[in-house]
Amino acid sequence: MRPLAVLTAFLMACVPAQAISSQGLTYRGAAYFVVTVQPGEDKLRLSWQDVSGQPYGTVAALRSALAVQGRQLLFATNSGIYAPGLRPLGLHVQRGEILVGLNRARSGGNFALLPNGVFWVQGTKAGVNESRVYAASNLKPDYASQSGPLLVQGGTLHPSFNAGSVSLKLRSGVGVCKGGVVKFAISEGAVNFYDFARFFRDSLSCPDALYLDGSISTVYTPGRGDRQLALYAGIWAVTDR
């Protein structure tokens, strides 16, 4: 083997394998942007605060902090609904530590449109569980965030969603889909909950999916760029290492 070929092979071997991919899709006349993550191969983590204890707030701030560590941001999106002061409104787990406990509130906007749920990552596995199911489980995830409502649970759409709803908004969510892959999706325009949930179930083959947030939501990838307009609390992110 020639020296250049040996060097090329060595450099490629030093680059961590990534399975993350993204694509634009259309379903029932609406456009969506979807990022597919494989928990067993991609470094999917949840972030909230920097080393000084202050919320990152922006994807740009997180990207800068990662760059100092020699890491590249490959994907980022808001983790879910939050309270004033950029504090997650529900469960928030980082590196196995519970920073905010499970929220059992039964009132308070979309979050309390029960059932709501928890998206979690544990090693090479990920899941979406209804909040009460999660509370009763023995799960000890590496990362987890609570949001609501659940879009799809066991292949069934949320019982409060209506096909003819005129509540049309930009929406983002996350699903755990066929083969255990994780799919983050954001609508490129205004859609109702019913159509958004059907997109996860029928187009993305996700039997379980969770709503993240509405009009403030954005998805960052290097090719898509940073479109963030509002501050976030938790940020789900994939890095190169």
Protein backbone atom coordinates (compact mmCIF):
# COMPACT_ATOMS: atom_id res chain seq x y z
CA MET A 1 0.00 0.00 0.00
CA ARG A 2 1.31 3.47 -0.89
CA PRO A 3 2.20 5.87 1.95
CA LEU A 4 -0.61 8.28 0.98
CA ALA A 5 -3.16 5.47 1.01
CA VAL A 6 -1.88 4.33 4.41
CA LEU A 7 -2.18 7.88 5.78
CA THR A 8 -5.70 8.27 4.36
CA ALA A 9 -6.83 4.98 5.87
CA PHE A 10 -5.33 5.98 9.23
CA LEU A 11 -7.08 9.36 9.25
CA MET A 12 -10.43 7.81 8.32
CA ALA A 13 -10.05 5.30 11.13
CA CYS A 14 -9.53 8.17 13.59
CA VAL A 15 -12.80 9.88 12.61
CA PRO A 16 -15.69 8.68 14.82
CA ALA A 17 -18.39 6.93 12.81
CA GLN A 18 -21.63 8.88 12.54
CA ALA A 19 -24.96 7.58 11.34
CA ILE A 20 -26.86 10.88 11.62
CA SER A 21 -28.72 11.99 8.49
CA SER A 22 -31.30 14.59 7.53
CA GLN A 23 -33.85 15.09 4.80
CA GLY A 24 -36.87 17.12 3.79
CA LEU A 25 -40.15 15.23 3.43
CA THR A 26 -43.69 16.09 2.37
CA TYR A 27 -46.75 14.48 3.93
CA ARG A 28 -50.38 15.34 3.13
CA GLY A 29 -49.27 18.58 1.48
CA ALA A 30 -47.11 19.79 4.39
CA ALA A 31 -43.31 20.01 4.36
CA TYR A 32 -41.12 18.71 7.17
CA PHE A 33 -37.43 18.56 7.99
CA VAL A 34 -36.34 15.32 9.66
CA VAL A 35 -33.08 14.37 11.39
CA THR A 36 -32.48 10.66 11.99
CA VAL A 37 -30.21 9.66 14.87
CA GLN A 38 -28.93 6.19 15.78
CA PRO A 39 -28.34 6.11 19.56
CA GLY A 40 -25.84 3.26 19.23
CA GLU A 41 -23.61 5.26 16.90
CA ASP A 42 -24.37 8.96 17.29
CA LYS A 43 -23.42 11.01 20.34
CA LEU A 44 -26.88 12.27 21.33
CA ARG A 45 -26.82 14.32 24.54
CA LEU A 46 -28.93 16.88 26.38
CA SER A 47 -27.49 20.21 27.56
CA TRP A 48 -28.86 23.05 29.63
CA GLN A 49 -26.20 25.01 31.55
CA ASP A 50 -22.57 25.93 30.95
CA VAL A 51 -19.71 25.37 33.42
CA SER A 52 -20.74 28.51 35.36
CA GLY A 53 -24.29 27.23 35.82
CA GLN A 54 -25.86 29.65 33.34
CA PRO A 55 -28.25 28.34 30.65
CA TYR A 56 -26.67 28.18 27.21
CA GLY A 57 -29.86 29.69 25.86
CA THR A 58 -28.74 29.54 22.25
CA VAL A 59 -27.42 26.95 19.85
CA ALA A 60 -24.61 29.39 19.01
CA ALA A 61 -23.46 29.45 22.65
CA LEU A 62 -23.48 25.67 22.84
CA ARG A 63 -21.62 25.39 19.54
CA SER A 64 -18.94 27.80 20.79
CA ALA A 65 -18.50 25.88 24.03
CA LEU A 66 -18.13 22.62 22.12
CA ALA A 67 -15.60 24.18 19.75
CA VAL A 68 -13.38 25.07 22.72
CA GLN A 69 -13.43 21.35 23.57
CA GLY A 70 -12.50 20.44 20.00
CA ARG A 71 -15.97 19.04 19.26
CA GLN A 72 -18.24 19.81 16.32
CA LEU A 73 -21.99 20.29 16.60
CA LEU A 74 -23.81 18.16 14.02
CA PHE A 75 -27.40 18.72 15.15
CA ALA A 76 -29.33 20.68 17.77
CA THR A 77 -32.93 21.42 18.68
CA ASN A 78 -34.92 22.62 21.68
CA SER A 79 -35.73 19.88 24.19
CA GLY A 80 -39.23 20.98 25.16
CA ILE A 81 -41.40 23.40 27.06
CA TYR A 82 -39.76 25.48 29.79
CA ALA A 83 -40.58 27.89 32.60
CA PRO A 84 -39.41 31.51 33.11
CA GLY A 85 -35.70 31.78 33.77
CA LEU A 86 -34.91 29.19 31.10
CA ARG A 87 -35.69 26.33 33.48
CA PRO A 88 -37.10 23.07 32.04
CA LEU A 89 -40.78 22.72 32.94
CA GLY A 90 -40.49 18.96 33.39
CA LEU A 91 -37.98 16.18 33.99
CA HIS A 92 -34.44 16.97 32.88
CA VAL A 93 -31.66 14.38 33.24
CA GLN A 94 -28.03 14.88 32.19
CA ARG A 95 -25.25 12.30 32.53
CA GLY A 96 -27.55 10.25 34.76
CA GLU A 97 -28.22 13.13 37.17
CA ILE A 98 -31.76 14.43 37.72
CA LEU A 99 -31.50 18.22 37.50
CA VAL A 100 -35.27 18.82 37.40
CA GLY A 101 -37.79 16.28 38.68
CA LEU A 102 -40.81 14.80 36.93
CA ASN A 103 -43.69 17.27 36.58
CA ARG A 104 -47.11 15.79 37.41
CA ALA A 105 -49.14 18.97 36.82
CA ARG A 106 -52.59 18.55 35.30
CA SER A 107 -52.97 22.11 34.02
CA GLY A 108 -50.82 24.50 32.06
CA GLY A 109 -51.14 24.58 28.27
CA ASN A 110 -49.90 21.91 25.87
CA PHE A 111 -47.70 20.32 28.54
CA ALA A 112 -50.80 19.36 30.53
CA LEU A 113 -52.75 18.09 27.52
CA LEU A 114 -52.51 14.64 29.05
CA PRO A 115 -50.99 12.24 28.46
CA ASN A 116 -47.58 13.87 28.25
CA GLY A 117 -44.33 11.96 28.24
CA VAL A 118 -40.57 11.55 28.57
CA PHE A 119 -37.99 11.07 25.84
CA TRP A 120 -34.94 9.27 27.20
CA VAL A 121 -31.59 7.90 26.07
CA GLN A 122 -29.80 5.10 27.92
CA GLY A 123 -26.62 3.78 26.34
CA THR A 124 -27.48 2.53 22.87
CA LYS A 125 -31.24 2.66 23.46
CA ALA A 126 -33.86 5.40 23.42
CA GLY A 127 -37.55 5.54 24.20
CA VAL A 128 -40.67 7.64 24.62
CA ASN A 129 -42.80 6.77 27.65
CA GLU A 130 -45.99 8.24 29.06
CA SER A 131 -44.98 10.15 32.21
CA ARG A 132 -46.76 7.85 34.68
CA VAL A 133 -45.26 4.79 32.99
CA TYR A 134 -41.83 6.37 33.19
CA ALA A 135 -42.32 7.18 36.89
CA ALA A 136 -43.24 3.56 37.64
CA SER A 137 -40.29 2.16 35.71
CA ASN A 138 -36.79 1.46 36.91
CA LEU A 139 -35.24 3.41 34.08
CA LYS A 140 -32.06 5.27 34.89
CA PRO A 141 -31.36 7.12 31.66
CA ASP A 142 -28.22 8.98 30.77
CA TYR A 143 -30.32 11.81 29.35
CA ALA A 144 -34.06 12.54 29.48
CA SER A 145 -36.51 15.38 29.03
CA GLN A 146 -40.24 15.64 29.69
CA SER A 147 -42.65 17.44 27.41
CA GLY A 148 -46.18 17.17 26.15
CA PRO A 149 -48.47 16.19 24.80
CA LEU A 150 -47.59 12.70 23.62
CA LEU A 151 -48.22 12.66 19.88
CA VAL A 152 -48.35 8.90 19.46
CA GLN A 153 -48.43 6.17 22.11
CA GLY A 154 -48.15 2.56 21.07
CA GLY A 155 -49.29 3.44 17.56
CA THR A 156 -52.37 5.36 18.77
CA LEU A 157 -52.74 9.11 18.30
CA HIS A 158 -53.42 11.34 21.30
CA PRO A 159 -57.18 11.12 22.05
CA SER A 160 -57.62 14.91 22.05
CA PHE A 161 -56.36 15.45 18.49
CA ASN A 162 -58.94 16.28 15.84
CA ALA A 163 -58.49 15.83 12.10
CA GLY A 164 -60.24 19.10 11.31
CA SER A 165 -58.56 21.25 13.95
CA VAL A 166 -57.86 24.82 12.84
CA SER A 167 -55.13 25.28 15.47
CA LEU A 168 -52.31 25.53 12.95
CA LYS A 169 -48.78 26.20 14.17
CA LEU A 170 -45.18 25.31 13.45
CA ARG A 171 -44.50 22.17 15.50
CA SER A 172 -41.50 20.06 16.50
CA GLY A 173 -41.27 16.61 18.05
CA VAL A 174 -39.23 13.46 18.53
CA GLY A 175 -40.13 9.85 17.88
CA VAL A 176 -38.58 6.47 18.52
CA CYS A 177 -39.23 4.55 15.37
CA LYS A 178 -38.81 1.25 13.58
CA GLY A 179 -35.47 -0.34 14.41
CA GLY A 180 -35.01 1.85 17.48
CA VAL A 181 -33.85 4.89 15.53
CA VAL A 182 -34.68 8.35 16.80
CA LYS A 183 -36.27 10.89 14.47
CA PHE A 184 -36.51 14.59 15.28
CA ALA A 185 -38.96 16.43 13.02
CA ILE A 186 -40.07 20.01 12.55
CA SER A 187 -42.80 21.29 10.28
CA GLU A 188 -41.71 23.92 7.79
CA GLY A 189 -45.12 25.58 8.09
CA ALA A 190 -48.23 25.58 10.22
CA VAL A 191 -49.91 22.21 10.88
CA ASN A 192 -52.35 20.87 13.47
CA PHE A 193 -51.55 18.26 16.11
CA TYR A 194 -53.48 15.53 14.31
CA ASP A 195 -51.54 15.80 11.06
CA PHE A 196 -48.23 16.18 12.90
CA ALA A 197 -48.89 13.02 14.91
CA ARG A 198 -49.92 11.12 11.78
CA PHE A 199 -46.70 12.19 10.11
CA PHE A 200 -44.70 10.50 12.87
CA ARG A 201 -46.81 7.36 12.88
CA ASP A 202 -47.63 6.85 9.22
CA SER A 203 -44.73 8.47 7.37
CA LEU A 204 -41.82 8.02 9.79
CA SER A 205 -43.00 4.65 11.23
CA CYS A 206 -42.75 5.87 14.83
CA PRO A 207 -45.15 4.07 17.19
CA ASP A 208 -44.17 6.49 19.98
CA ALA A 209 -43.59 10.21 19.58
CA LEU A 210 -43.51 13.30 21.80
CA TYR A 211 -44.25 16.95 21.07
CA LEU A 212 -41.37 19.29 21.89
CA ASP A 213 -42.62 22.82 21.22
CA GLY A 214 -44.28 25.14 18.74
CA SER A 215 -43.41 28.42 17.10
CA ILE A 216 -40.08 28.92 18.92
CA SER A 217 -38.73 25.60 17.66
CA THR A 218 -35.83 25.28 15.23
CA VAL A 219 -33.49 22.55 14.05
CA TYR A 220 -29.79 23.21 13.50
CA THR A 221 -27.52 21.22 11.21
CA PRO A 222 -24.35 22.54 9.55
CA GLY A 223 -26.11 22.56 6.20
CA ARG A 224 -29.35 24.10 7.45
CA GLY A 225 -27.70 26.74 9.61
CA ASP A 226 -28.86 28.43 12.80
CA ARG A 227 -32.43 29.76 12.57
CA GLN A 228 -33.04 30.26 16.30
CA LEU A 229 -35.21 33.25 17.19
CA ALA A 230 -36.00 32.58 20.88
CA LEU A 231 -33.96 31.38 23.85
CA TYR A 232 -34.11 27.71 24.90
CA ALA A 233 -33.64 25.87 28.17
CA GLY A 234 -32.64 22.30 27.31
CA ILE A 235 -31.01 21.56 23.96
CA TRP A 236 -30.78 18.09 22.41
CA ALA A 237 -27.58 17.83 20.41
CA VAL A 238 -25.43 15.42 18.43
CA THR A 239 -21.68 15.99 18.31
CA ASP A 240 -18.86 14.34 16.44
CA ARG A 241 -17.34 12.90 19.63
